[in-house]
PDB file of N, CA and C in Angstrom:
ATOM      1  N   UNK A   1    -171.893 -98.851-138.171  1.00  0.00           N
ATOM      2  CA  UNK A   1    -170.609 -98.981-137.700  1.00  0.00           C
ATOM      3  C   UNK A   1    -170.422 -97.300-137.531  1.00  0.00           C
ATOM      4  N   UNK A   2    -169.758 -97.133-136.688  1.00  0.00           N
ATOM      5  CA  UNK A   2    -169.437 -95.418-136.564  1.00  0.00           C
ATOM      6  C   UNK A   2    -168.273 -95.121-137.103  1.00  0.00           C
ATOM      7  N   UNK A   3    -167.781 -93.998-136.890  1.00  0.00           N
ATOM      8  CA  UNK A   3    -166.605 -93.391-137.735  1.00  0.00           C
ATOM      9  C   UNK A   3    -165.350 -93.896-137.525  1.00  0.00           C
ATOM     10  N   UNK A   4    -165.074 -94.364-136.174  1.00  0.00           N
ATOM     11  CA  UNK A   4    -163.784 -94.817-135.679  1.00  0.00           C
ATOM     12  C   UNK A   4    -163.828 -96.130-136.412  1.00  0.00           C
ATOM     13  N   UNK A   5    -164.984 -96.991-136.432  1.00  0.00           N
ATOM     14  CA  UNK A   5    -164.804 -98.278-137.027  1.00  0.00           C
ATOM     15  C   UNK A   5    -164.480 -98.226-138.631  1.00  0.00           C
ATOM     16  N   UNK A   6    -165.095 -97.328-139.123  1.00  0.00           N
ATOM     17  CA  UNK A   6    -164.949 -97.060-140.605  1.00  0.00           C
ATOM     18  C   UNK A   6    -163.495 -96.688-141.030  1.00  0.00           C
ATOM     19  N   UNK A   7    -162.639 -95.806-140.024  1.00  0.00           N
ATOM     20  CA  UNK A   7    -161.399 -95.332-140.314  1.00  0.00           C
ATOM     21  C   UNK A   7    -160.488 -96.504-139.987  1.00  0.00           C
ATOM     22  N   UNK A   8    -160.971 -97.037-139.107  1.00  0.00           N
ATOM     23  CA  UNK A   8    -159.996 -98.632-139.055  1.00  0.00           C
ATOM     24  C   UNK A   8    -160.004 -99.363-140.182  1.00  0.00           C
ATOM     25  N   UNK A   9    -161.370 -99.421-140.649  1.00  0.00           N
ATOM     26  CA  UNK A   9    -161.535-100.652-141.652  1.00  0.00           C
ATOM     27  C   UNK A   9    -160.818 -99.939-143.128  1.00  0.00           C
ATOM     28  N   UNK A  10    -160.764 -98.652-143.128  1.00  0.00           N
ATOM     29  CA  UNK A  10    -160.113 -98.208-144.403  1.00  0.00           C
ATOM     30  C   UNK A  10    -158.609 -97.860-144.296  1.00  0.00           C
ATOM     31  N   UNK A  11    -158.102 -98.484-143.168  1.00  0.00           N
ATOM     32  CA  UNK A  11    -156.562 -98.371-143.042  1.00  0.00           C
ATOM     33  C   UNK A  11    -155.793 -99.090-144.080  1.00  0.00           C
ATOM     34  N   UNK A  12    -155.973-100.346-144.467  1.00  0.00           N
ATOM     35  CA  UNK A  12    -155.259-100.819-145.655  1.00  0.00           C
ATOM     36  C   UNK A  12    -155.415 -99.992-146.961  1.00  0.00           C
ATOM     37  N   UNK A  13    -156.527 -99.326-147.268  1.00  0.00           N
ATOM     38  CA  UNK A  13    -156.692 -98.875-148.456  1.00  0.00           C
ATOM     39  C   UNK A  13    -155.497 -97.366-148.342  1.00  0.00           C
ATOM     40  N   UNK A  14    -155.610 -96.694-147.191  1.00  0.00           N
ATOM     41  CA  UNK A  14    -154.948 -95.375-146.813  1.00  0.00           C
ATOM     42  C   UNK A  14    -153.407 -95.945-146.987  1.00  0.00           C
ATOM     43  N   UNK A  15    -153.066 -97.059-146.402  1.00  0.00           N
ATOM     44  CA  UNK A  15    -151.707 -97.375-146.384  1.00  0.00           C
ATOM     45  C   UNK A  15    -151.151 -97.947-147.841  1.00  0.00           C
ATOM     46  N   UNK A  16    -152.090 -98.172-148.717  1.00  0.00           N
ATOM     47  CA  UNK A  16    -151.871 -98.646-150.291  1.00  0.00           C
ATOM     48  C   UNK A  16    -151.674 -97.272-150.856  1.00  0.00           C
ATOM     49  N   UNK A  17    -152.357 -96.248-150.369  1.00  0.00           N
ATOM     50  CA  UNK A  17    -152.087 -94.861-151.257  1.00  0.00           C
ATOM     51  C   UNK A  17    -151.045 -94.280-151.001  1.00  0.00           C
ATOM     52  N   UNK A  18    -150.356 -94.675-149.790  1.00  0.00           N
ATOM     53  CA  UNK A  18    -148.993 -94.214-149.291  1.00  0.00           C
ATOM     54  C   UNK A  18    -147.769 -94.883-150.159  1.00  0.00           C
ATOM     55  N   UNK A  19    -148.139 -96.148-150.531  1.00  0.00           N
ATOM     56  CA  UNK A  19    -147.089 -96.907-151.253  1.00  0.00           C
ATOM     57  C   UNK A  19    -146.975 -96.533-152.668  1.00  0.00           C
ATOM     58  N   UNK A  20    -148.219 -95.832-153.301  1.00  0.00           N
ATOM     59  CA  UNK A  20    -148.192 -95.297-154.722  1.00  0.00           C
ATOM     60  C   UNK A  20    -147.901 -96.409-155.528  1.00  0.00           C
ATOM     61  N   UNK A  21    -148.450 -97.666-155.230  1.00  0.00           N
ATOM     62  CA  UNK A  21    -148.392 -98.666-156.238  1.00  0.00           C
ATOM     63  C   UNK A  21    -149.828 -99.258-156.679  1.00  0.00           C
ATOM     64  N   UNK A  22    -149.812 -98.962-157.967  1.00  0.00           N
ATOM     65  CA  UNK A  22    -151.184 -99.209-158.515  1.00  0.00           C
ATOM     66  C   UNK A  22    -151.530-100.563-158.303  1.00  0.00           C
ATOM     67  N   UNK A  23    -150.583-101.606-158.354  1.00  0.00           N
ATOM     68  CA  UNK A  23    -151.246-102.904-158.200  1.00  0.00           C
ATOM     69  C   UNK A  23    -151.595-103.191-156.684  1.00  0.00           C
ATOM     70  N   UNK A  24    -151.281-102.477-155.780  1.00  0.00           N
ATOM     71  CA  UNK A  24    -151.768-102.592-154.307  1.00  0.00           C
ATOM     72  C   UNK A  24    -153.192-101.865-153.958  1.00  0.00           C
ATOM     73  N   UNK A  25    -153.451-100.738-154.644  1.00  0.00           N
ATOM     74  CA  UNK A  25    -154.442 -99.745-154.275  1.00  0.00           C
ATOM     75  C   UNK A  25    -155.850-100.762-154.499  1.00  0.00           C
ATOM     76  N   UNK A  26    -155.998-101.223-155.645  1.00  0.00           N
ATOM     77  CA  UNK A  26    -157.337-101.721-155.881  1.00  0.00           C
ATOM     78  C   UNK A  26    -157.658-102.973-155.152  1.00  0.00           C
ATOM     79  N   UNK A  27    -156.815-104.092-154.814  1.00  0.00           N
ATOM     80  CA  UNK A  27    -157.170-104.962-153.793  1.00  0.00           C
ATOM     81  C   UNK A  27    -157.097-104.467-152.429  1.00  0.00           C
ATOM     82  N   UNK A  28    -156.407-103.432-151.898  1.00  0.00           N
ATOM     83  CA  UNK A  28    -156.598-102.988-150.661  1.00  0.00           C
ATOM     84  C   UNK A  28    -158.148-102.059-150.641  1.00  0.00           C
ATOM     85  N   UNK A  29    -158.593-101.598-151.654  1.00  0.00           N
ATOM     86  CA  UNK A  29    -159.716-100.738-151.563  1.00  0.00           C
ATOM     87  C   UNK A  29    -160.775-101.674-151.485  1.00  0.00           C
ATOM     88  N   UNK A  30    -160.774-103.063-152.382  1.00  0.00           N
ATOM     89  CA  UNK A  30    -161.809-103.985-152.076  1.00  0.00           C
ATOM     90  C   UNK A  30    -161.850-104.578-150.857  1.00  0.00           C
ATOM     91  N   UNK A  31    -160.737-105.026-150.062  1.00  0.00           N
ATOM     92  CA  UNK A  31    -160.592-105.374-148.682  1.00  0.00           C
ATOM     93  C   UNK A  31    -161.207-104.664-147.788  1.00  0.00           C
ATOM     94  N   UNK A  32    -161.096-103.309-147.960  1.00  0.00           N
ATOM     95  CA  UNK A  32    -161.558-102.263-147.109  1.00  0.00           C
ATOM     96  C   UNK A  32    -162.962-102.258-147.013  1.00  0.00           C
ATOM     97  N   UNK A  33    -163.461-102.386-148.582  1.00  0.00           N
ATOM     98  CA  UNK A  33    -165.043-102.462-148.791  1.00  0.00           C
ATOM     99  C   UNK A  33    -165.724-103.514-148.036  1.00  0.00           C
ATOM    100  N   UNK A  34    -165.017-104.821-148.008  1.00  0.00           N
ATOM    101  CA  UNK A  34    -165.499-106.145-147.734  1.00  0.00           C
ATOM    102  C   UNK A  34    -165.372-105.897-146.135  1.00  0.00           C
ATOM    103  N   UNK A  35    -164.630-105.184-145.486  1.00  0.00           N
ATOM    104  CA  UNK A  35    -164.435-105.064-144.132  1.00  0.00           C
ATOM    105  C   UNK A  35    -165.637-104.379-143.492  1.00  0.00           C
ATOM    106  N   UNK A  36    -165.976-103.097-144.399  1.00  0.00           N
ATOM    107  CA  UNK A  36    -167.005-102.401-144.151  1.00  0.00           C
ATOM    108  C   UNK A  36    -168.550-103.077-144.163  1.00  0.00           C
ATOM    109  N   UNK A  37    -168.494-103.954-145.114  1.00  0.00           N
ATOM    110  CA  UNK A  37    -169.660-104.565-145.465  1.00  0.00           C
ATOM    111  C   UNK A  37    -169.957-105.573-144.618  1.00  0.00           C
ATOM    112  N   UNK A  38    -168.715-106.422-144.091  1.00  0.00           N
ATOM    113  CA  UNK A  38    -169.018-107.493-142.979  1.00  0.00           C
ATOM    114  C   UNK A  38    -168.892-107.100-141.818  1.00  0.00           C
ATOM    115  N   UNK A  39    -168.868-105.806-141.548  1.00  0.00           N
ATOM    116  CA  UNK A  39    -168.797-105.242-140.059  1.00  0.00           C
ATOM    117  C   UNK A  39    -169.892-105.919-139.066  1.00  0.00           C
ATOM    118  N   UNK A  40    -171.001-106.260-139.293  1.00  0.00           N
ATOM    119  CA  UNK A  40    -171.852-107.175-138.447  1.00  0.00           C
ATOM    120  C   UNK A  40    -171.309-108.489-138.138  1.00  0.00           C
ATOM    121  N   UNK A  41    -170.495-108.724-138.901  1.00  0.00           N
ATOM    122  CA  UNK A  41    -169.943-110.352-138.704  1.00  0.00           C
ATOM    123  C   UNK A  41    -168.425-110.260-138.437  1.00  0.00           C
ATOM    124  N   UNK A  42    -168.058-109.863-137.317  1.00  0.00           N
ATOM    125  CA  UNK A  42    -166.566-109.536-136.918  1.00  0.00           C
ATOM    126  C   UNK A  42    -165.775-110.384-137.143  1.00  0.00           C
ATOM    127  N   UNK A  43    -165.726-111.760-137.457  1.00  0.00           N
ATOM    128  CA  UNK A  43    -164.974-112.638-137.540  1.00  0.00           C
ATOM    129  C   UNK A  43    -164.534-112.539-139.109  1.00  0.00           C
ATOM    130  N   UNK A  44    -165.469-112.357-139.778  1.00  0.00           N
ATOM    131  CA  UNK A  44    -165.155-112.229-141.380  1.00  0.00           C
ATOM    132  C   UNK A  44    -164.655-110.996-141.648  1.00  0.00           C
ATOM    133  N   UNK A  45    -164.777-109.988-141.050  1.00  0.00           N
ATOM    134  CA  UNK A  45    -164.559-108.544-141.181  1.00  0.00           C
ATOM    135  C   UNK A  45    -163.006-108.485-140.687  1.00  0.00           C
ATOM    136  N   UNK A  46    -162.452-109.225-139.748  1.00  0.00           N
ATOM    137  CA  UNK A  46    -161.141-109.132-139.188  1.00  0.00           C
ATOM    138  C   UNK A  46    -160.333-110.177-140.619  1.00  0.00           C
ATOM    139  N   UNK A  47    -160.709-111.100-141.137  1.00  0.00           N
ATOM    140  CA  UNK A  47    -160.004-111.790-142.063  1.00  0.00           C
ATOM    141  C   UNK A  47    -159.700-110.864-143.056  1.00  0.00           C
ATOM    142  N   UNK A  48    -160.744-110.199-143.621  1.00  0.00           N
ATOM    143  CA  UNK A  48    -160.776-109.203-144.671  1.00  0.00           C
ATOM    144  C   UNK A  48    -159.739-108.038-144.313  1.00  0.00           C
ATOM    145  N   UNK A  49    -159.592-107.509-143.178  1.00  0.00           N
ATOM    146  CA  UNK A  49    -158.864-106.520-142.751  1.00  0.00           C
ATOM    147  C   UNK A  49    -157.523-106.894-142.853  1.00  0.00           C
ATOM    148  N   UNK A  50    -157.139-107.886-142.310  1.00  0.00           N
ATOM    149  CA  UNK A  50    -155.875-108.631-142.100  1.00  0.00           C
ATOM    150  C   UNK A  50    -155.235-108.814-143.537  1.00  0.00           C
ATOM    151  N   UNK A  51    -156.046-109.447-144.630  1.00  0.00           N
ATOM    152  CA  UNK A  51    -155.553-109.497-145.856  1.00  0.00           C
ATOM    153  C   UNK A  51    -154.975-108.204-146.460  1.00  0.00           C
ATOM    154  N   UNK A  52    -156.070-107.262-146.395  1.00  0.00           N
ATOM    155  CA  UNK A  52    -155.694-105.905-146.776  1.00  0.00           C
ATOM    156  C   UNK A  52    -154.454-105.374-146.275  1.00  0.00           C
ATOM    157  N   UNK A  53    -154.256-105.472-144.904  1.00  0.00           N
ATOM    158  CA  UNK A  53    -153.246-104.620-144.114  1.00  0.00           C
ATOM    159  C   UNK A  53    -151.994-105.518-144.740  1.00  0.00           C
ATOM    160  N   UNK A  54    -151.839-106.636-144.815  1.00  0.00           N
ATOM    161  CA  UNK A  54    -150.873-107.520-145.279  1.00  0.00           C
ATOM    162  C   UNK A  54    -150.521-107.034-146.720  1.00  0.00           C
ATOM    163  N   UNK A  55    -151.307-106.892-147.535  1.00  0.00           N
ATOM    164  CA  UNK A  55    -151.182-106.517-149.075  1.00  0.00           C
ATOM    165  C   UNK A  55    -150.537-105.043-148.843  1.00  0.00           C
ATOM    166  N   UNK A  56    -151.064-104.129-148.005  1.00  0.00           N
ATOM    167  CA  UNK A  56    -150.580-102.872-148.140  1.00  0.00           C
ATOM    168  C   UNK A  56    -149.264-102.751-147.468  1.00  0.00           C
ATOM    169  N   UNK A  57    -149.074-103.369-146.320  1.00  0.00           N
ATOM    170  CA  UNK A  57    -147.769-103.411-145.536  1.00  0.00           C
ATOM    171  C   UNK A  57    -146.628-103.751-146.448  1.00  0.00           C
ATOM    172  N   UNK A  58    -146.678-104.814-147.441  1.00  0.00           N
ATOM    173  CA  UNK A  58    -145.947-105.293-148.346  1.00  0.00           C
ATOM    174  C   UNK A  58    -145.496-104.275-149.419  1.00  0.00           C
ATOM    175  N   UNK A  59    -146.615-103.702-149.961  1.00  0.00           N
ATOM    176  CA  UNK A  59    -146.399-102.479-150.875  1.00  0.00           C
ATOM    177  C   UNK A  59    -145.679-101.398-150.229  1.00  0.00           C
ATOM    178  N   UNK A  60    -145.899-101.014-149.088  1.00  0.00           N
ATOM    179  CA  UNK A  60    -145.259-100.080-148.510  1.00  0.00           C
ATOM    180  C   UNK A  60    -143.921-100.482-148.285  1.00  0.00           C
ATOM    181  N   UNK A  61    -143.633-101.510-147.867  1.00  0.00           N
ATOM    182  CA  UNK A  61    -142.110-101.890-147.498  1.00  0.00           C
ATOM    183  C   UNK A  61    -141.566-101.809-148.734  1.00  0.00           C
ATOM    184  N   UNK A  62    -142.123-102.209-149.858  1.00  0.00           N
ATOM    185  CA  UNK A  62    -141.137-102.174-151.130  1.00  0.00           C
ATOM    186  C   UNK A  62    -140.956-100.909-151.388  1.00  0.00           C
ATOM    187  N   UNK A  63    -141.733 -99.742-151.416  1.00  0.00           N
ATOM    188  CA  UNK A  63    -141.620 -98.493-151.708  1.00  0.00           C
ATOM    189  C   UNK A  63    -140.651 -97.971-150.794  1.00  0.00           C
ATOM    190  N   UNK A  64    -140.459 -98.233-149.454  1.00  0.00           N
ATOM    191  CA  UNK A  64    -139.379 -97.681-148.448  1.00  0.00           C
ATOM    192  C   UNK A  64    -138.113 -98.354-149.009  1.00  0.00           C
ATOM    193  N   UNK A  65    -138.163 -99.576-149.478  1.00  0.00           N
ATOM    194  CA  UNK A  65    -136.902-100.212-149.718  1.00  0.00           C
ATOM    195  C   UNK A  65    -136.189 -99.526-150.898  1.00  0.00           C
ATOM    196  N   UNK A  66    -136.924 -99.133-151.810  1.00  0.00           N
ATOM    197  CA  UNK A  66    -136.430 -98.598-152.904  1.00  0.00           C
ATOM    198  C   UNK A  66    -135.968 -97.056-152.939  1.00  0.00           C
ATOM    199  N   UNK A  67    -136.407 -96.611-151.900  1.00  0.00           N
ATOM    200  CA  UNK A  67    -136.116 -95.251-151.527  1.00  0.00           C
ATOM    201  C   UNK A  67    -134.605 -94.994-151.199  1.00  0.00           C
TER     202      UNK A  67
END
């Protein structure tokens, strides 16, 4: 995987860091790691990335809603 693919794979983790919710950071980190590890199998990597992005988006939305 090149740098662009790794940066896209870690996007759920970075979004979870912006949400500042401890409950969302660990699952997003794990899904980002699974996405990087499953890189050679694109269909499985996309599923892991989508799950992580969904978790991060919900956490970020909750943070913005409380502001």
